[in-house]
PDB file of N, CA and C in Angstrom:
ATOM      1  N   UNK A   1     109.914 120.396  71.144  1.00  0.00           N
ATOM      2  CA  UNK A   1     110.324 119.202  71.920  1.00  0.00           C
ATOM      3  C   UNK A   1     109.815 119.285  73.378  1.00  0.00           C
ATOM      4  N   UNK A   2     109.840 120.480  73.963  1.00  0.00           N
ATOM      5  CA  UNK A   2     109.493 120.594  75.328  1.00  0.00           C
ATOM      6  C   UNK A   2     107.954 120.460  75.416  1.00  0.00           C
ATOM      7  N   UNK A   3     107.197 120.869  74.517  1.00  0.00           N
ATOM      8  CA  UNK A   3     105.733 120.674  74.489  1.00  0.00           C
ATOM      9  C   UNK A   3     105.399 119.218  74.391  1.00  0.00           C
ATOM     10  N   UNK A   4     106.123 118.433  73.633  1.00  0.00           N
ATOM     11  CA  UNK A   4     105.863 117.039  73.532  1.00  0.00           C
ATOM     12  C   UNK A   4     106.238 116.390  74.840  1.00  0.00           C
ATOM     13  N   UNK A   5     107.305 116.766  75.470  1.00  0.00           N
ATOM     14  CA  UNK A   5     107.713 116.262  76.778  1.00  0.00           C
ATOM     15  C   UNK A   5     106.649 116.565  77.807  1.00  0.00           C
ATOM     16  N   UNK A   6     106.138 117.779  77.815  1.00  0.00           N
ATOM     17  CA  UNK A   6     105.083 118.115  78.721  1.00  0.00           C
ATOM     18  C   UNK A   6     103.822 117.337  78.579  1.00  0.00           C
ATOM     19  N   UNK A   7     103.568 117.049  77.281  1.00  0.00           N
ATOM     20  CA  UNK A   7     102.333 116.271  76.960  1.00  0.00           C
ATOM     21  C   UNK A   7     102.443 114.831  77.491  1.00  0.00           C
ATOM     22  N   UNK A   8     103.705 114.241  77.262  1.00  0.00           N
ATOM     23  CA  UNK A   8     103.989 112.904  77.771  1.00  0.00           C
ATOM     24  C   UNK A   8     103.924 112.854  79.210  1.00  0.00           C
ATOM     25  N   UNK A   9     104.498 113.838  79.964  1.00  0.00           N
ATOM     26  CA  UNK A   9     104.491 113.837  81.392  1.00  0.00           C
ATOM     27  C   UNK A   9     103.091 113.987  81.912  1.00  0.00           C
ATOM     28  N   UNK A  10     102.215 114.807  81.287  1.00  0.00           N
ATOM     29  CA  UNK A  10     100.859 115.014  81.669  1.00  0.00           C
ATOM     30  C   UNK A  10     100.093 113.648  81.506  1.00  0.00           C
ATOM     31  N   UNK A  11     100.301 112.979  80.378  1.00  0.00           N
ATOM     32  CA  UNK A  11      99.766 111.651  80.155  1.00  0.00           C
ATOM     33  C   UNK A  11     100.107 110.639  81.237  1.00  0.00           C
ATOM     34  N   UNK A  12     101.361 110.676  81.631  1.00  0.00           N
ATOM     35  CA  UNK A  12     101.892 109.779  82.661  1.00  0.00           C
ATOM     36  C   UNK A  12     101.130 110.086  83.982  1.00  0.00           C
ATOM     37  N   UNK A  13     101.029 111.372  84.330  1.00  0.00           N
ATOM     38  CA  UNK A  13     100.356 111.726  85.556  1.00  0.00           C
ATOM     39  C   UNK A  13      98.866 111.335  85.514  1.00  0.00           C
ATOM     40  N   UNK A  14      98.194 111.593  84.361  1.00  0.00           N
ATOM     41  CA  UNK A  14      96.810 111.199  84.241  1.00  0.00           C
ATOM     42  C   UNK A  14      96.643 109.640  84.406  1.00  0.00           C
ATOM     43  N   UNK A  15      97.511 108.895  83.851  1.00  0.00           N
ATOM     44  CA  UNK A  15      97.496 107.474  83.804  1.00  0.00           C
ATOM     45  C   UNK A  15      97.680 106.919  85.321  1.00  0.00           C
ATOM     46  N   UNK A  16      98.545 107.495  86.033  1.00  0.00           N
ATOM     47  CA  UNK A  16      98.802 107.107  87.429  1.00  0.00           C
ATOM     48  C   UNK A  16      97.553 107.560  88.264  1.00  0.00           C
ATOM     49  N   UNK A  17      97.059 108.741  88.043  1.00  0.00           N
ATOM     50  CA  UNK A  17      95.874 109.257  88.719  1.00  0.00           C
ATOM     51  C   UNK A  17      94.705 108.335  88.497  1.00  0.00           C
ATOM     52  N   UNK A  18      94.414 108.004  87.265  1.00  0.00           N
ATOM     53  CA  UNK A  18      93.314 107.149  86.992  1.00  0.00           C
ATOM     54  C   UNK A  18      93.409 105.741  87.630  1.00  0.00           C
ATOM     55  N   UNK A  19      94.610 105.211  87.658  1.00  0.00           N
ATOM     56  CA  UNK A  19      94.823 103.901  88.233  1.00  0.00           C
ATOM     57  C   UNK A  19      94.550 104.019  89.747  1.00  0.00           C
ATOM     58  N   UNK A  20      94.954 105.053  90.323  1.00  0.00           N
ATOM     59  CA  UNK A  20      94.827 105.239  91.768  1.00  0.00           C
ATOM     60  C   UNK A  20      93.314 105.318  92.093  1.00  0.00           C
ATOM     61  N   UNK A  21      92.582 106.174  91.300  1.00  0.00           N
ATOM     62  CA  UNK A  21      91.153 106.329  91.451  1.00  0.00           C
ATOM     63  C   UNK A  21      90.451 105.002  91.380  1.00  0.00           C
ATOM     64  N   UNK A  22      90.719 104.207  90.345  1.00  0.00           N
ATOM     65  CA  UNK A  22      90.107 102.898  90.220  1.00  0.00           C
ATOM     66  C   UNK A  22      90.411 101.977  91.313  1.00  0.00           C
ATOM     67  N   UNK A  23      91.729 101.846  91.701  1.00  0.00           N
ATOM     68  CA  UNK A  23      92.115 100.974  92.721  1.00  0.00           C
ATOM     69  C   UNK A  23      91.553 101.333  94.096  1.00  0.00           C
ATOM     70  N   UNK A  24      91.671 102.553  94.475  1.00  0.00           N
ATOM     71  CA  UNK A  24      91.213 103.004  95.791  1.00  0.00           C
ATOM     72  C   UNK A  24      89.647 102.818  95.810  1.00  0.00           C
ATOM     73  N   UNK A  25      88.959 103.215  94.758  1.00  0.00           N
ATOM     74  CA  UNK A  25      87.537 103.093  94.721  1.00  0.00           C
ATOM     75  C   UNK A  25      87.081 101.712  94.806  1.00  0.00           C
ATOM     76  N   UNK A  26      87.751 100.760  94.167  1.00  0.00           N
ATOM     77  CA  UNK A  26      87.345  99.428  94.253  1.00  0.00           C
ATOM     78  C   UNK A  26      87.580  98.800  95.637  1.00  0.00           C
ATOM     79  N   UNK A  27      88.700  99.165  96.256  1.00  0.00           N
ATOM     80  CA  UNK A  27      88.967  98.641  97.621  1.00  0.00           C
ATOM     81  C   UNK A  27      87.990  99.174  98.623  1.00  0.00           C
ATOM     82  N   UNK A  28      87.645 100.528  98.512  1.00  0.00           N
ATOM     83  CA  UNK A  28      86.694 101.050  99.414  1.00  0.00           C
ATOM     84  C   UNK A  28      85.248 100.430  99.174  1.00  0.00           C
ATOM     85  N   UNK A  29      84.961 100.212  97.905  1.00  0.00           N
ATOM     86  CA  UNK A  29      83.599  99.660  97.597  1.00  0.00           C
ATOM     87  C   UNK A  29      83.479  98.173  98.105  1.00  0.00           C
ATOM     88  N   UNK A  30      84.537  97.416  97.941  1.00  0.00           N
ATOM     89  CA  UNK A  30      84.495  96.014  98.379  1.00  0.00           C
ATOM     90  C   UNK A  30      84.484  96.007  99.947  1.00  0.00           C
ATOM     91  N   UNK A  31      85.160  96.952 100.598  1.00  0.00           N
ATOM     92  CA  UNK A  31      85.172  96.977 102.028  1.00  0.00           C
ATOM     93  C   UNK A  31      83.787  97.385 102.530  1.00  0.00           C
ATOM     94  N   UNK A  32      83.165  98.382 101.903  1.00  0.00           N
ATOM     95  CA  UNK A  32      81.826  98.749 102.296  1.00  0.00           C
ATOM     96  C   UNK A  32      80.841  97.651 102.042  1.00  0.00           C
ATOM     97  N   UNK A  33      80.911  96.911 100.998  1.00  0.00           N
ATOM     98  CA  UNK A  33      80.103  95.734 100.685  1.00  0.00           C
ATOM     99  C   UNK A  33      80.177  94.710 101.791  1.00  0.00           C
ATOM    100  N   UNK A  34      81.428  94.374 102.168  1.00  0.00           N
ATOM    101  CA  UNK A  34      81.661  93.340 103.157  1.00  0.00           C
ATOM    102  C   UNK A  34      81.171  93.848 104.551  1.00  0.00           C
ATOM    103  N   UNK A  35      81.261  95.165 104.793  1.00  0.00           N
ATOM    104  CA  UNK A  35      80.803  95.627 106.036  1.00  0.00           C
ATOM    105  C   UNK A  35      79.289  95.488 106.133  1.00  0.00           C
ATOM    106  N   UNK A  36      78.640  95.694 104.970  1.00  0.00           N
ATOM    107  CA  UNK A  36      77.146  95.630 104.914  1.00  0.00           C
ATOM    108  C   UNK A  36      76.702  94.255 105.352  1.00  0.00           C
ATOM    109  N   UNK A  37      77.387  93.209 104.881  1.00  0.00           N
ATOM    110  CA  UNK A  37      76.977  91.869 105.290  1.00  0.00           C
ATOM    111  C   UNK A  37      77.484  91.360 106.605  1.00  0.00           C
ATOM    112  N   UNK A  38      78.393  92.087 107.303  1.00  0.00           N
ATOM    113  CA  UNK A  38      78.844  91.670 108.546  1.00  0.00           C
ATOM    114  C   UNK A  38      78.301  92.527 109.735  1.00  0.00           C
ATOM    115  N   UNK A  39      77.595  93.512 109.462  1.00  0.00           N
ATOM    116  CA  UNK A  39      77.077  94.362 110.582  1.00  0.00           C
ATOM    117  C   UNK A  39      76.123  93.512 111.410  1.00  0.00           C
ATOM    118  N   UNK A  40      75.230  92.779 110.780  1.00  0.00           N
ATOM    119  CA  UNK A  40      74.287  91.979 111.606  1.00  0.00           C
ATOM    120  C   UNK A  40      74.994  90.934 112.459  1.00  0.00           C
ATOM    121  N   UNK A  41      76.024  90.266 111.846  1.00  0.00           N
ATOM    122  CA  UNK A  41      76.807  89.240 112.632  1.00  0.00           C
ATOM    123  C   UNK A  41      77.454  89.885 113.828  1.00  0.00           C
ATOM    124  N   UNK A  42      77.965  91.050 113.657  1.00  0.00           N
ATOM    125  CA  UNK A  42      78.649  91.731 114.784  1.00  0.00           C
ATOM    126  C   UNK A  42      77.669  92.151 115.850  1.00  0.00           C
ATOM    127  N   UNK A  43      76.512  92.613 115.454  1.00  0.00           N
ATOM    128  CA  UNK A  43      75.446  92.943 116.404  1.00  0.00           C
ATOM    129  C   UNK A  43      75.054  91.688 117.189  1.00  0.00           C
ATOM    130  N   UNK A  44      74.870  90.523 116.515  1.00  0.00           N
ATOM    131  CA  UNK A  44      74.459  89.312 117.150  1.00  0.00           C
ATOM    132  C   UNK A  44      75.529  88.848 118.087  1.00  0.00           C
ATOM    133  N   UNK A  45      76.742  88.968 117.805  1.00  0.00           N
ATOM    134  CA  UNK A  45      77.822  88.551 118.675  1.00  0.00           C
ATOM    135  C   UNK A  45      78.200  89.550 119.814  1.00  0.00           C
ATOM    136  N   UNK A  46      77.580  90.680 119.711  1.00  0.00           N
ATOM    137  CA  UNK A  46      77.884  91.747 120.665  1.00  0.00           C
ATOM    138  C   UNK A  46      79.357  92.173 120.713  1.00  0.00           C
ATOM    139  N   UNK A  47      79.915  92.224 119.472  1.00  0.00           N
ATOM    140  CA  UNK A  47      81.348  92.673 119.283  1.00  0.00           C
ATOM    141  C   UNK A  47      81.307  94.168 119.087  1.00  0.00           C
ATOM    142  N   UNK A  48      81.251  94.871 120.178  1.00  0.00           N
ATOM    143  CA  UNK A  48      81.065  96.323 120.065  1.00  0.00           C
ATOM    144  C   UNK A  48      82.306  97.068 119.577  1.00  0.00           C
ATOM    145  N   UNK A  49      83.583  96.536 119.868  1.00  0.00           N
ATOM    146  CA  UNK A  49      84.715  97.207 119.296  1.00  0.00           C
ATOM    147  C   UNK A  49      84.776  97.092 117.768  1.00  0.00           C
ATOM    148  N   UNK A  50      84.535  95.909 117.216  1.00  0.00           N
ATOM    149  CA  UNK A  50      84.543  95.746 115.770  1.00  0.00           C
ATOM    150  C   UNK A  50      83.401  96.486 115.118  1.00  0.00           C
ATOM    151  N   UNK A  51      82.225  96.535 115.770  1.00  0.00           N
ATOM    152  CA  UNK A  51      81.113  97.291 115.165  1.00  0.00           C
ATOM    153  C   UNK A  51      81.446  98.777 115.115  1.00  0.00           C
ATOM    154  N   UNK A  52      82.043  99.273 116.222  1.00  0.00           N
ATOM    155  CA  UNK A  52      82.403 100.705 116.181  1.00  0.00           C
ATOM    156  C   UNK A  52      83.526 100.981 115.226  1.00  0.00           C
ATOM    157  N   UNK A  53      84.427 100.068 115.006  1.00  0.00           N
ATOM    158  CA  UNK A  53      85.503 100.160 114.007  1.00  0.00           C
ATOM    159  C   UNK A  53      84.897 100.255 112.625  1.00  0.00           C
ATOM    160  N   UNK A  54      83.932  99.313 112.317  1.00  0.00           N
ATOM    161  CA  UNK A  54      83.363  99.333 111.036  1.00  0.00           C
ATOM    162  C   UNK A  54      82.477 100.516 110.743  1.00  0.00           C
ATOM    163  N   UNK A  55      81.796 101.072 111.755  1.00  0.00           N
ATOM    164  CA  UNK A  55      80.946 102.232 111.565  1.00  0.00           C
ATOM    165  C   UNK A  55      81.863 103.454 111.247  1.00  0.00           C
ATOM    166  N   UNK A  56      82.944 103.608 112.065  1.00  0.00           N
ATOM    167  CA  UNK A  56      83.816 104.769 111.781  1.00  0.00           C
ATOM    168  C   UNK A  56      84.516 104.676 110.454  1.00  0.00           C
ATOM    169  N   UNK A  57      85.095 103.445 110.143  1.00  0.00           N
ATOM    170  CA  UNK A  57      85.765 103.350 108.816  1.00  0.00           C
ATOM    171  C   UNK A  57      84.779 103.496 107.671  1.00  0.00           C
ATOM    172  N   UNK A  58      83.562 103.035 107.875  1.00  0.00           N
ATOM    173  CA  UNK A  58      82.588 103.128 106.695  1.00  0.00           C
ATOM    174  C   UNK A  58      82.247 104.642 106.497  1.00  0.00           C
ATOM    175  N   UNK A  59      82.171 105.441 107.498  1.00  0.00           N
ATOM    176  CA  UNK A  59      81.916 106.855 107.305  1.00  0.00           C
ATOM    177  C   UNK A  59      83.225 107.478 106.650  1.00  0.00           C
ATOM    178  N   UNK A  60      84.340 107.128 107.067  1.00  0.00           N
ATOM    179  CA  UNK A  60      85.560 107.617 106.397  1.00  0.00           C
ATOM    180  C   UNK A  60      85.650 107.139 104.960  1.00  0.00           C
ATOM    181  N   UNK A  61      85.262 105.924 104.642  1.00  0.00           N
ATOM    182  CA  UNK A  61      85.288 105.422 103.279  1.00  0.00           C
ATOM    183  C   UNK A  61      84.291 106.284 102.400  1.00  0.00           C
ATOM    184  N   UNK A  62      83.111 106.528 102.952  1.00  0.00           N
ATOM    185  CA  UNK A  62      82.117 107.333 102.161  1.00  0.00           C
ATOM    186  C   UNK A  62      82.753 108.672 101.886  1.00  0.00           C
ATOM    187  N   UNK A  63      83.343 109.331 102.922  1.00  0.00           N
ATOM    188  CA  UNK A  63      83.910 110.641 102.551  1.00  0.00           C
ATOM    189  C   UNK A  63      85.095 110.502 101.620  1.00  0.00           C
ATOM    190  N   UNK A  64      85.819 109.394 101.723  1.00  0.00           N
ATOM    191  CA  UNK A  64      86.920 109.112 100.717  1.00  0.00           C
ATOM    192  C   UNK A  64      86.380 108.876  99.308  1.00  0.00           C
ATOM    193  N   UNK A  65      85.186 108.288  99.200  1.00  0.00           N
ATOM    194  CA  UNK A  65      84.601 108.105  97.849  1.00  0.00           C
ATOM    195  C   UNK A  65      84.154 109.413  97.287  1.00  0.00           C
ATOM    196  N   UNK A  66      83.599 110.310  98.195  1.00  0.00           N
ATOM    197  CA  UNK A  66      83.194 111.616  97.742  1.00  0.00           C
ATOM    198  C   UNK A  66      84.346 112.409  97.211  1.00  0.00           C
ATOM    199  N   UNK A  67      85.438 112.384  97.870  1.00  0.00           N
ATOM    200  CA  UNK A  67      86.617 113.187  97.526  1.00  0.00           C
ATOM    201  C   UNK A  67      87.756 112.312  97.015  1.00  0.00           C
ATOM    202  N   UNK A  68      87.368 111.351  96.140  1.00  0.00           N
ATOM    203  CA  UNK A  68      88.412 110.388  95.624  1.00  0.00           C
ATOM    204  C   UNK A  68      89.316 111.015  94.688  1.00  0.00           C
ATOM    205  N   UNK A  69      88.882 111.952  93.854  1.00  0.00           N
ATOM    206  CA  UNK A  69      89.871 112.523  92.865  1.00  0.00           C
ATOM    207  C   UNK A  69      90.918 113.363  93.573  1.00  0.00           C
ATOM    208  N   UNK A  70      90.610 114.288  94.506  1.00  0.00           N
ATOM    209  CA  UNK A  70      91.630 114.938  95.150  1.00  0.00           C
ATOM    210  C   UNK A  70      92.553 114.069  96.073  1.00  0.00           C
ATOM    211  N   UNK A  71      91.923 113.015  96.597  1.00  0.00           N
ATOM    212  CA  UNK A  71      92.730 112.120  97.341  1.00  0.00           C
ATOM    213  C   UNK A  71      93.720 111.293  96.403  1.00  0.00           C
ATOM    214  N   UNK A  72      93.288 110.965  95.263  1.00  0.00           N
ATOM    215  CA  UNK A  72      94.123 110.304  94.257  1.00  0.00           C
ATOM    216  C   UNK A  72      95.228 111.204  93.765  1.00  0.00           C
ATOM    217  N   UNK A  73      94.931 112.490  93.552  1.00  0.00           N
ATOM    218  CA  UNK A  73      95.972 113.422  93.206  1.00  0.00           C
ATOM    219  C   UNK A  73      97.020 113.560  94.243  1.00  0.00           C
ATOM    220  N   UNK A  74      96.639 113.571  95.486  1.00  0.00           N
ATOM    221  CA  UNK A  74      97.598 113.624  96.578  1.00  0.00           C
ATOM    222  C   UNK A  74      98.479 112.355  96.547  1.00  0.00           C
ATOM    223  N   UNK A  75      97.898 111.257  96.373  1.00  0.00           N
ATOM    224  CA  UNK A  75      98.690 109.991  96.291  1.00  0.00           C
ATOM    225  C   UNK A  75      99.581 109.988  95.067  1.00  0.00           C
ATOM    226  N   UNK A  76      99.151 110.516  93.971  1.00  0.00           N
ATOM    227  CA  UNK A  76      99.897 110.604  92.750  1.00  0.00           C
ATOM    228  C   UNK A  76     101.117 111.567  92.964  1.00  0.00           C
ATOM    229  N   UNK A  77     100.876 112.657  93.689  1.00  0.00           N
ATOM    230  CA  UNK A  77     102.013 113.533  94.024  1.00  0.00           C
ATOM    231  C   UNK A  77     103.062 112.813  94.835  1.00  0.00           C
ATOM    232  N   UNK A  78     102.645 112.003  95.782  1.00  0.00           N
ATOM    233  CA  UNK A  78     103.554 111.277  96.556  1.00  0.00           C
ATOM    234  C   UNK A  78     104.297 110.225  95.808  1.00  0.00           C
ATOM    235  N   UNK A  79     103.587 109.510  94.927  1.00  0.00           N
ATOM    236  CA  UNK A  79     104.172 108.418  94.150  1.00  0.00           C
ATOM    237  C   UNK A  79     105.137 108.928  93.131  1.00  0.00           C
ATOM    238  N   UNK A  80     104.831 110.088  92.461  1.00  0.00           N
ATOM    239  CA  UNK A  80     105.641 110.636  91.410  1.00  0.00           C
ATOM    240  C   UNK A  80     106.616 111.681  91.868  1.00  0.00           C
ATOM    241  N   UNK A  81     106.795 111.835  93.195  1.00  0.00           N
ATOM    242  CA  UNK A  81     107.728 112.907  93.631  1.00  0.00           C
ATOM    243  C   UNK A  81     109.219 112.675  93.320  1.00  0.00           C
ATOM    244  N   UNK A  82     109.549 111.402  93.011  1.00  0.00           N
ATOM    245  CA  UNK A  82     110.951 111.121  92.652  1.00  0.00           C
ATOM    246  C   UNK A  82     111.229 111.519  91.182  1.00  0.00           C
ATOM    247  N   UNK A  83     110.262 111.667  90.317  1.00  0.00           N
ATOM    248  CA  UNK A  83     110.495 112.049  88.926  1.00  0.00           C
ATOM    249  C   UNK A  83     110.434 113.604  88.782  1.00  0.00           C
ATOM    250  N   UNK A  84     111.548 114.150  88.377  1.00  0.00           N
ATOM    251  CA  UNK A  84     111.733 115.640  88.341  1.00  0.00           C
ATOM    252  C   UNK A  84     110.669 116.247  87.421  1.00  0.00           C
ATOM    253  N   UNK A  85     110.480 115.697  86.228  1.00  0.00           N
ATOM    254  CA  UNK A  85     109.508 116.282  85.344  1.00  0.00           C
ATOM    255  C   UNK A  85     108.072 116.286  85.913  1.00  0.00           C
ATOM    256  N   UNK A  86     107.678 115.249  86.468  1.00  0.00           N
ATOM    257  CA  UNK A  86     106.390 115.151  87.105  1.00  0.00           C
ATOM    258  C   UNK A  86     106.283 116.067  88.339  1.00  0.00           C
ATOM    259  N   UNK A  87     107.296 116.132  89.111  1.00  0.00           N
ATOM    260  CA  UNK A  87     107.342 117.001  90.298  1.00  0.00           C
ATOM    261  C   UNK A  87     107.118 118.435  89.942  1.00  0.00           C
ATOM    262  N   UNK A  88     107.756 118.863  88.869  1.00  0.00           N
ATOM    263  CA  UNK A  88     107.518 120.291  88.375  1.00  0.00           C
ATOM    264  C   UNK A  88     106.138 120.563  87.956  1.00  0.00           C
ATOM    265  N   UNK A  89     105.584 119.547  87.213  1.00  0.00           N
ATOM    266  CA  UNK A  89     104.271 119.749  86.678  1.00  0.00           C
ATOM    267  C   UNK A  89     103.152 119.606  87.801  1.00  0.00           C
ATOM    268  N   UNK A  90     103.480 118.748  88.825  1.00  0.00           N
ATOM    269  CA  UNK A  90     102.464 118.524  89.853  1.00  0.00           C
ATOM    270  C   UNK A  90     102.455 119.638  90.938  1.00  0.00           C
ATOM    271  N   UNK A  91     103.476 120.545  90.883  1.00  0.00           N
ATOM    272  CA  UNK A  91     103.593 121.527  91.912  1.00  0.00           C
ATOM    273  C   UNK A  91     102.310 122.282  92.257  1.00  0.00           C
ATOM    274  N   UNK A  92     101.685 122.854  91.252  1.00  0.00           N
ATOM    275  CA  UNK A  92     100.465 123.620  91.495  1.00  0.00           C
ATOM    276  C   UNK A  92      99.222 123.013  90.873  1.00  0.00           C
ATOM    277  N   UNK A  93      99.341 121.733  90.544  1.00  0.00           N
ATOM    278  CA  UNK A  93      98.188 121.146  89.842  1.00  0.00           C
ATOM    279  C   UNK A  93      97.031 120.850  90.732  1.00  0.00           C
ATOM    280  N   UNK A  94      95.802 121.032  90.128  1.00  0.00           N
ATOM    281  CA  UNK A  94      94.578 120.697  90.813  1.00  0.00           C
ATOM    282  C   UNK A  94      93.872 119.666  89.906  1.00  0.00           C
ATOM    283  N   UNK A  95      92.833 119.088  90.493  1.00  0.00           N
ATOM    284  CA  UNK A  95      92.077 118.043  89.812  1.00  0.00           C
ATOM    285  C   UNK A  95      91.505 118.561  88.483  1.00  0.00           C
ATOM    286  N   UNK A  96      91.055 119.833  88.425  1.00  0.00           N
ATOM    287  CA  UNK A  96      90.520 120.454  87.287  1.00  0.00           C
ATOM    288  C   UNK A  96      91.477 120.554  86.148  1.00  0.00           C
ATOM    289  N   UNK A  97      92.793 120.727  86.531  1.00  0.00           N
ATOM    290  CA  UNK A  97      93.816 120.735  85.549  1.00  0.00           C
ATOM    291  C   UNK A  97      93.957 119.394  84.800  1.00  0.00           C
ATOM    292  N   UNK A  98      93.758 118.304  85.556  1.00  0.00           N
ATOM    293  CA  UNK A  98      93.831 117.007  84.906  1.00  0.00           C
ATOM    294  C   UNK A  98      92.647 116.719  84.029  1.00  0.00           C
ATOM    295  N   UNK A  99      91.540 117.327  84.354  1.00  0.00           N
ATOM    296  CA  UNK A  99      90.316 117.069  83.572  1.00  0.00           C
ATOM    297  C   UNK A  99      90.297 117.854  82.301  1.00  0.00           C
ATOM    298  N   UNK A 100      90.996 119.031  82.312  1.00  0.00           N
ATOM    299  CA  UNK A 100      91.079 119.859  81.106  1.00  0.00           C
ATOM    300  C   UNK A 100      91.979 119.280  80.021  1.00  0.00           C
ATOM    301  N   UNK A 101      93.217 118.935  80.536  1.00  0.00           N
ATOM    302  CA  UNK A 101      94.261 118.565  79.568  1.00  0.00           C
ATOM    303  C   UNK A 101      94.158 117.221  78.952  1.00  0.00           C
TER     304      UNK A 101
END
Protein backbone atom coordinates (compact mmCIF):
# COMPACT_ATOMS: atom_id res chain seq x y z
CA UNK A 1 0.00 0.00 0.00
CA UNK A 2 2.82 2.39 0.81
CA UNK A 3 4.47 1.76 -2.58
CA UNK A 4 1.20 2.61 -4.33
CA UNK A 5 0.84 5.75 -2.21
CA UNK A 6 4.41 6.79 -3.08
CA UNK A 7 3.68 6.21 -6.76
CA UNK A 8 0.55 8.38 -6.58
CA UNK A 9 2.44 11.10 -4.73
CA UNK A 10 5.23 11.03 -7.31
CA UNK A 11 2.68 11.28 -10.12
CA UNK A 12 1.09 14.27 -8.39
CA UNK A 13 4.48 15.98 -8.07
CA UNK A 14 5.29 15.27 -11.73
CA UNK A 15 1.92 16.64 -12.83
CA UNK A 16 2.38 19.88 -10.88
CA UNK A 17 5.99 20.20 -12.09
CA UNK A 18 5.01 19.70 -15.74
CA UNK A 19 2.21 22.26 -15.48
CA UNK A 20 4.59 24.80 -13.96
CA UNK A 21 7.18 24.18 -16.69
CA UNK A 22 4.60 24.70 -19.43
CA UNK A 23 2.98 27.75 -17.81
CA UNK A 24 6.21 29.55 -16.95
CA UNK A 25 7.74 28.70 -20.33
CA UNK A 26 4.76 30.07 -22.21
CA UNK A 27 4.65 33.28 -20.17
CA UNK A 28 8.37 33.88 -20.68
CA UNK A 29 8.13 33.06 -24.38
CA UNK A 30 5.20 35.41 -24.94
CA UNK A 31 6.95 38.17 -22.99
CA UNK A 32 10.13 37.74 -25.04
CA UNK A 33 8.11 37.81 -28.27
CA UNK A 34 6.35 41.01 -27.29
CA UNK A 35 9.69 42.52 -26.22
CA UNK A 36 11.08 41.74 -29.67
CA UNK A 37 8.35 43.76 -31.36
CA UNK A 38 8.51 46.70 -28.93
CA UNK A 39 12.29 47.29 -28.78
CA UNK A 40 12.19 49.46 -31.91
CA UNK A 41 9.24 51.49 -30.65
CA UNK A 42 11.02 52.17 -27.35
CA UNK A 43 14.19 53.24 -29.16
CA UNK A 44 12.20 55.63 -31.37
CA UNK A 45 10.41 57.15 -28.36
CA UNK A 46 13.68 57.44 -26.42
CA UNK A 47 12.09 55.60 -23.46
CA UNK A 48 15.36 54.61 -21.85
CA UNK A 49 13.90 53.34 -18.57
CA UNK A 50 11.53 50.91 -20.29
CA UNK A 51 14.25 49.88 -22.73
CA UNK A 52 16.62 49.05 -19.87
CA UNK A 53 13.82 47.25 -18.05
CA UNK A 54 13.09 45.11 -21.09
CA UNK A 55 16.75 44.35 -21.72
CA UNK A 56 17.39 43.26 -18.13
CA UNK A 57 14.22 41.19 -17.85
CA UNK A 58 14.83 39.56 -21.24
CA UNK A 59 18.25 38.38 -20.05
CA UNK A 60 16.64 37.08 -16.86
CA UNK A 61 13.93 35.33 -18.90
CA UNK A 62 16.55 33.65 -21.07
CA UNK A 63 18.36 32.35 -17.98
CA UNK A 64 14.97 31.30 -16.62
CA UNK A 65 14.25 29.33 -19.78
CA UNK A 66 17.65 27.63 -19.60
CA UNK A 67 17.06 26.61 -15.99
CA UNK A 68 13.30 26.13 -16.22
CA UNK A 69 13.12 22.63 -14.76
CA UNK A 70 15.01 23.42 -11.52
CA UNK A 71 13.01 26.63 -11.24
CA UNK A 72 9.77 24.68 -11.66
CA UNK A 73 10.88 22.14 -9.03
CA UNK A 74 11.48 24.99 -6.59
CA UNK A 75 8.01 26.38 -7.30
CA UNK A 76 6.49 22.90 -6.94
CA UNK A 77 8.17 22.54 -3.54
CA UNK A 78 6.64 25.83 -2.48
CA UNK A 79 3.18 24.95 -3.83
CA UNK A 80 3.11 21.43 -2.39
CA UNK A 81 4.65 22.27 0.99
CA UNK A 82 1.27 22.01 2.71
CA UNK A 83 0.81 18.34 1.69
CA UNK A 84 2.73 16.14 4.15
CA UNK A 85 3.24 13.22 1.73
CA UNK A 86 4.60 15.50 -0.98
CA UNK A 87 6.75 17.40 1.51
CA UNK A 88 8.48 14.19 2.59
CA UNK A 89 9.10 13.09 -0.97
CA UNK A 90 10.26 16.53 -2.14
CA UNK A 91 12.76 16.93 0.70
CA UNK A 92 15.85 15.75 -1.20
CA UNK A 93 14.42 15.53 -4.69
CA UNK A 94 16.30 16.75 -7.74
CA UNK A 95 15.14 17.21 -11.31
CA UNK A 96 16.84 13.96 -12.35
CA UNK A 97 14.69 12.09 -9.79
CA UNK A 98 11.56 13.31 -11.57
CA UNK A 99 12.88 12.25 -14.97
CA UNK A 100 13.78 8.75 -13.74
CA UNK A 101 10.55 7.82 -11.98
